[in-house]
Amino acid sequence: MFEKAVYGIFIVSVLTWMTLALATEGLTFDVIAQAGSFLLLGVVMSLLLERSCESATP
């Protein structure tokens, strides 16, 4: 349950940021680079959440 809430907040915040960035700057290299870093951050966050949930399970 906790994982779904974290993923949902992350996805909504990334989509909101992408919408605002595309509306203000257009599709530039900076926007693409920041989107890639957000995706990398999401992968790292999901791996850390999986590990923490596995270690917390008795």
PDB file of N, CA and C in Angstrom:
ATOM      1  N   MET A   1       0.824  -1.200   0.000  1.00  0.00           N
ATOM      2  CA  MET A   1       0.000   0.000   0.000  1.00  0.00           C
ATOM      3  C   MET A   1       0.866   1.262   0.000  1.00  0.00           C
ATOM      4  N   PHE A   2       1.886   1.262   0.850  1.00  0.00           N
ATOM      5  CA  PHE A   2       2.785   2.403   0.945  1.00  0.00           C
ATOM      6  C   PHE A   2       3.505   2.634  -0.380  1.00  0.00           C
ATOM      7  N   GLU A   3       3.932   1.537  -1.025  1.00  0.00           N
ATOM      8  CA  GLU A   3       4.644   1.653  -2.297  1.00  0.00           C
ATOM      9  C   GLU A   3       3.773   2.321  -3.356  1.00  0.00           C
ATOM     10  N   LYS A   4       2.519   1.918  -3.426  1.00  0.00           N
ATOM     11  CA  LYS A   4       1.618   2.494  -4.427  1.00  0.00           C
ATOM     12  C   LYS A   4       1.431   3.987  -4.203  1.00  0.00           C
ATOM     13  N   ALA A   5       1.346   4.403  -2.942  1.00  0.00           N
ATOM     14  CA  ALA A   5       1.189   5.829  -2.649  1.00  0.00           C
ATOM     15  C   ALA A   5       2.430   6.609  -3.074  1.00  0.00           C
ATOM     16  N   VAL A   6       3.602   6.064  -2.790  1.00  0.00           N
ATOM     17  CA  VAL A   6       4.844   6.742  -3.173  1.00  0.00           C
ATOM     18  C   VAL A   6       4.969   6.811  -4.687  1.00  0.00           C
ATOM     19  N   TYR A   7       4.690   5.705  -5.364  1.00  0.00           N
ATOM     20  CA  TYR A   7       4.746   5.701  -6.829  1.00  0.00           C
ATOM     21  C   TYR A   7       3.747   6.692  -7.422  1.00  0.00           C
ATOM     22  N   GLY A   8       2.554   6.741  -6.871  1.00  0.00           N
ATOM     23  CA  GLY A   8       1.533   7.657  -7.368  1.00  0.00           C
ATOM     24  C   GLY A   8       1.942   9.116  -7.209  1.00  0.00           C
ATOM     25  N   ILE A   9       2.478   9.460  -6.048  1.00  0.00           N
ATOM     26  CA  ILE A   9       2.935  10.833  -5.817  1.00  0.00           C
ATOM     27  C   ILE A   9       4.078  11.172  -6.766  1.00  0.00           C
ATOM     28  N   PHE A  10       4.996  10.240  -6.962  1.00  0.00           N
ATOM     29  CA  PHE A  10       6.130  10.479  -7.851  1.00  0.00           C
ATOM     30  C   PHE A  10       5.663  10.673  -9.294  1.00  0.00           C
ATOM     31  N   ILE A  11       4.774   9.817  -9.751  1.00  0.00           N
ATOM     32  CA  ILE A  11       4.297   9.907 -11.140  1.00  0.00           C
ATOM     33  C   ILE A  11       3.523  11.207 -11.367  1.00  0.00           C
ATOM     34  N   VAL A  12       2.667  11.570 -10.428  1.00  0.00           N
ATOM     35  CA  VAL A  12       1.900  12.811 -10.571  1.00  0.00           C
ATOM     36  C   VAL A  12       2.821  14.025 -10.568  1.00  0.00           C
ATOM     37  N   SER A  13       3.834  14.021  -9.695  1.00  0.00           N
ATOM     38  CA  SER A  13       4.739  15.171  -9.654  1.00  0.00           C
ATOM     39  C   SER A  13       5.573  15.267 -10.925  1.00  0.00           C
ATOM     40  N   VAL A  14       6.022  14.127 -11.459  1.00  0.00           N
ATOM     41  CA  VAL A  14       6.802  14.148 -12.701  1.00  0.00           C
ATOM     42  C   VAL A  14       5.941  14.606 -13.874  1.00  0.00           C
ATOM     43  N   LEU A  15       4.712  14.116 -13.960  1.00  0.00           N
ATOM     44  CA  LEU A  15       3.833  14.538 -15.049  1.00  0.00           C
ATOM     45  C   LEU A  15       3.500  16.023 -14.959  1.00  0.00           C
ATOM     46  N   THR A  16       3.288  16.525 -13.737  1.00  0.00           N
ATOM     47  CA  THR A  16       3.020  17.948 -13.567  1.00  0.00           C
ATOM     48  C   THR A  16       4.231  18.772 -13.984  1.00  0.00           C
ATOM     49  N   TRP A  17       5.416  18.340 -13.555  1.00  0.00           N
ATOM     50  CA  TRP A  17       6.631  19.061 -13.931  1.00  0.00           C
ATOM     51  C   TRP A  17       6.838  19.043 -15.443  1.00  0.00           C
ATOM     52  N   MET A  18       6.632  17.889 -16.073  1.00  0.00           N
ATOM     53  CA  MET A  18       6.818  17.791 -17.524  1.00  0.00           C
ATOM     54  C   MET A  18       5.830  18.706 -18.257  1.00  0.00           C
ATOM     55  N   THR A  19       4.591  18.745 -17.800  1.00  0.00           N
ATOM     56  CA  THR A  19       3.598  19.610 -18.443  1.00  0.00           C
ATOM     57  C   THR A  19       3.993  21.072 -18.335  1.00  0.00           C
ATOM     58  N   LEU A  20       4.426  21.489 -17.140  1.00  0.00           N
ATOM     59  CA  LEU A  20       4.836  22.880 -16.955  1.00  0.00           C
ATOM     60  C   LEU A  20       6.095  23.203 -17.754  1.00  0.00           C
ATOM     61  N   ALA A  21       7.050  22.278 -17.782  1.00  0.00           N
ATOM     62  CA  ALA A  21       8.297  22.521 -18.514  1.00  0.00           C
ATOM     63  C   ALA A  21       8.040  22.611 -20.017  1.00  0.00           C
ATOM     64  N   LEU A  22       7.204  21.734 -20.536  1.00  0.00           N
ATOM     65  CA  LEU A  22       6.898  21.774 -21.966  1.00  0.00           C
ATOM     66  C   LEU A  22       6.089  23.017 -22.330  1.00  0.00           C
ATOM     67  N   ALA A  23       5.228  23.449 -21.419  1.00  0.00           N
ATOM     68  CA  ALA A  23       4.409  24.625 -21.710  1.00  0.00           C
ATOM     69  C   ALA A  23       5.246  25.904 -21.697  1.00  0.00           C
ATOM     70  N   THR A  24       6.250  25.959 -20.831  1.00  0.00           N
ATOM     71  CA  THR A  24       7.020  27.196 -20.712  1.00  0.00           C
ATOM     72  C   THR A  24       8.231  27.223 -21.634  1.00  0.00           C
ATOM     73  N   GLU A  25       8.947  26.115 -21.752  1.00  0.00           N
ATOM     74  CA  GLU A  25      10.198  26.107 -22.499  1.00  0.00           C
ATOM     75  C   GLU A  25      10.101  25.430 -23.853  1.00  0.00           C
ATOM     76  N   GLY A  26       9.131  24.567 -24.051  1.00  0.00           N
ATOM     77  CA  GLY A  26       9.093  23.770 -25.264  1.00  0.00           C
ATOM     78  C   GLY A  26      10.014  22.558 -25.103  1.00  0.00           C
ATOM     79  N   LEU A  27      10.161  21.807 -26.170  1.00  0.00           N
ATOM     80  CA  LEU A  27      10.947  20.582 -26.111  1.00  0.00           C
ATOM     81  C   LEU A  27      12.412  20.914 -26.398  1.00  0.00           C
ATOM     82  N   THR A  28      13.147  21.219 -25.337  1.00  0.00           N
ATOM     83  CA  THR A  28      14.562  21.543 -25.485  1.00  0.00           C
ATOM     84  C   THR A  28      15.401  20.410 -24.898  1.00  0.00           C
ATOM     85  N   PHE A  29      16.707  20.499 -25.111  1.00  0.00           N
ATOM     86  CA  PHE A  29      17.599  19.461 -24.591  1.00  0.00           C
ATOM     87  C   PHE A  29      17.563  19.427 -23.071  1.00  0.00           C
ATOM     88  N   ASP A  30      17.444  20.592 -22.424  1.00  0.00           N
ATOM     89  CA  ASP A  30      17.396  20.627 -20.959  1.00  0.00           C
ATOM     90  C   ASP A  30      16.187  19.874 -20.419  1.00  0.00           C
ATOM     91  N   VAL A  31      15.045  20.041 -21.066  1.00  0.00           N
ATOM     92  CA  VAL A  31      13.833  19.348 -20.621  1.00  0.00           C
ATOM     93  C   VAL A  31      14.005  17.837 -20.783  1.00  0.00           C
ATOM     94  N   ILE A  32      14.583  17.413 -21.904  1.00  0.00           N
ATOM     95  CA  ILE A  32      14.799  15.985 -22.141  1.00  0.00           C
ATOM     96  C   ILE A  32      15.788  15.413 -21.123  1.00  0.00           C
ATOM     97  N   ALA A  33      16.859  16.167 -20.831  1.00  0.00           N
ATOM     98  CA  ALA A  33      17.850  15.700 -19.862  1.00  0.00           C
ATOM     99  C   ALA A  33      17.258  15.598 -18.463  1.00  0.00           C
ATOM    100  N   GLN A  34      16.437  16.575 -18.083  1.00  0.00           N
ATOM    101  CA  GLN A  34      15.817  16.520 -16.764  1.00  0.00           C
ATOM    102  C   GLN A  34      14.801  15.384 -16.681  1.00  0.00           C
ATOM    103  N   ALA A  35      14.095  15.118 -17.764  1.00  0.00           N
ATOM    104  CA  ALA A  35      13.154  13.995 -17.761  1.00  0.00           C
ATOM    105  C   ALA A  35      13.908  12.680 -17.595  1.00  0.00           C
ATOM    106  N   GLY A  36      15.054  12.544 -18.253  1.00  0.00           N
ATOM    107  CA  GLY A  36      15.867  11.341 -18.083  1.00  0.00           C
ATOM    108  C   GLY A  36      16.363  11.179 -16.658  1.00  0.00           C
ATOM    109  N   SER A  37      16.736  12.277 -16.024  1.00  0.00           N
ATOM    110  CA  SER A  37      17.199  12.176 -14.640  1.00  0.00           C
ATOM    111  C   SER A  37      16.052  11.814 -13.706  1.00  0.00           C
ATOM    112  N   PHE A  38      14.844  12.328 -13.985  1.00  0.00           N
ATOM    113  CA  PHE A  38      13.687  11.938 -13.180  1.00  0.00           C
ATOM    114  C   PHE A  38      13.387  10.447 -13.340  1.00  0.00           C
ATOM    115  N   LEU A  39      13.497   9.931 -14.556  1.00  0.00           N
ATOM    116  CA  LEU A  39      13.258   8.503 -14.775  1.00  0.00           C
ATOM    117  C   LEU A  39      14.290   7.656 -14.040  1.00  0.00           C
ATOM    118  N   LEU A  40      15.551   8.084 -14.085  1.00  0.00           N
ATOM    119  CA  LEU A  40      16.603   7.371 -13.359  1.00  0.00           C
ATOM    120  C   LEU A  40      16.347   7.410 -11.861  1.00  0.00           C
ATOM    121  N   LEU A  41      15.912   8.560 -11.360  1.00  0.00           N
ATOM    122  CA  LEU A  41      15.576   8.682  -9.945  1.00  0.00           C
ATOM    123  C   LEU A  41      14.422   7.753  -9.573  1.00  0.00           C
ATOM    124  N   GLY A  42      13.432   7.641 -10.458  1.00  0.00           N
ATOM    125  CA  GLY A  42      12.312   6.739 -10.200  1.00  0.00           C
ATOM    126  C   GLY A  42      12.729   5.284 -10.142  1.00  0.00           C
ATOM    127  N   VAL A  43      13.658   4.877 -11.025  1.00  0.00           N
ATOM    128  CA  VAL A  43      14.153   3.496 -11.009  1.00  0.00           C
ATOM    129  C   VAL A  43      14.909   3.222  -9.720  1.00  0.00           C
ATOM    130  N   VAL A  44      15.777   4.142  -9.318  1.00  0.00           N
ATOM    131  CA  VAL A  44      16.542   3.964  -8.081  1.00  0.00           C
ATOM    132  C   VAL A  44      15.599   3.919  -6.880  1.00  0.00           C
ATOM    133  N   MET A  45      14.604   4.796  -6.869  1.00  0.00           N
ATOM    134  CA  MET A  45      13.655   4.821  -5.761  1.00  0.00           C
ATOM    135  C   MET A  45      12.863   3.515  -5.681  1.00  0.00           C
ATOM    136  N   SER A  46      12.454   2.980  -6.818  1.00  0.00           N
ATOM    137  CA  SER A  46      11.691   1.735  -6.795  1.00  0.00           C
ATOM    138  C   SER A  46      12.560   0.567  -6.331  1.00  0.00           C
ATOM    139  N   LEU A  47      13.826   0.549  -6.736  1.00  0.00           N
ATOM    140  CA  LEU A  47      14.711  -0.519  -6.267  1.00  0.00           C
ATOM    141  C   LEU A  47      14.937  -0.422  -4.759  1.00  0.00           C
ATOM    142  N   LEU A  48      15.116   0.793  -4.246  1.00  0.00           N
ATOM    143  CA  LEU A  48      15.305   0.949  -2.805  1.00  0.00           C
ATOM    144  C   LEU A  48      14.054   0.556  -2.034  1.00  0.00           C
ATOM    145  N   LEU A  49      12.871   0.902  -2.556  1.00  0.00           N
ATOM    146  CA  LEU A  49      11.635   0.516  -1.879  1.00  0.00           C
ATOM    147  C   LEU A  49      11.453  -0.997  -1.873  1.00  0.00           C
ATOM    148  N   GLU A  50      11.803  -1.656  -2.979  1.00  0.00           N
ATOM    149  CA  GLU A  50      11.700  -3.115  -3.016  1.00  0.00           C
ATOM    150  C   GLU A  50      12.615  -3.750  -1.990  1.00  0.00           C
ATOM    151  N   ARG A  51      13.849  -3.264  -1.909  1.00  0.00           N
ATOM    152  CA  ARG A  51      14.792  -3.826  -0.946  1.00  0.00           C
ATOM    153  C   ARG A  51      14.334  -3.600   0.485  1.00  0.00           C
ATOM    154  N   SER A  52      13.821  -2.413   0.778  1.00  0.00           N
ATOM    155  CA  SER A  52      13.400  -2.131   2.142  1.00  0.00           C
ATOM    156  C   SER A  52      12.188  -2.971   2.522  1.00  0.00           C
ATOM    157  N   CYS A  53      11.286  -3.202   1.574  1.00  0.00           N
ATOM    158  CA  CYS A  53      10.117  -4.024   1.875  1.00  0.00           C
ATOM    159  C   CYS A  53      10.501  -5.495   2.036  1.00  0.00           C
ATOM    160  N   GLU A  54      11.480  -5.960   1.240  1.00  0.00           N
ATOM    161  CA  GLU A  54      11.931  -7.341   1.368  1.00  0.00           C
ATOM    162  C   GLU A  54      12.634  -7.561   2.707  1.00  0.00           C
ATOM    163  N   SER A  55      13.444  -6.603   3.137  1.00  0.00           N
ATOM    164  CA  SER A  55      14.170  -6.776   4.389  1.00  0.00           C
ATOM    165  C   SER A  55      13.249  -6.614   5.596  1.00  0.00           C
ATOM    166  N   ALA A  56      12.148  -5.857   5.441  1.00  0.00           N
ATOM    167  CA  ALA A  56      11.223  -5.671   6.552  1.00  0.00           C
ATOM    168  C   ALA A  56      10.292  -6.866   6.734  1.00  0.00           C
ATOM    169  N   THR A  57      10.134  -7.678   5.681  1.00  0.00           N
ATOM    170  CA  THR A  57       9.260  -8.845   5.774  1.00  0.00           C
ATOM    171  C   THR A  57       9.962  -9.943   6.567  1.00  0.00           C
ATOM    172  N   PRO A  58       9.331 -10.424   7.639  1.00  0.00           N
ATOM    173  CA  PRO A  58       9.996 -11.461   8.452  1.00  0.00           C
ATOM    174  C   PRO A  58      10.041 -12.812   7.759  1.00  0.00           C
TER     175      PRO A  58
END
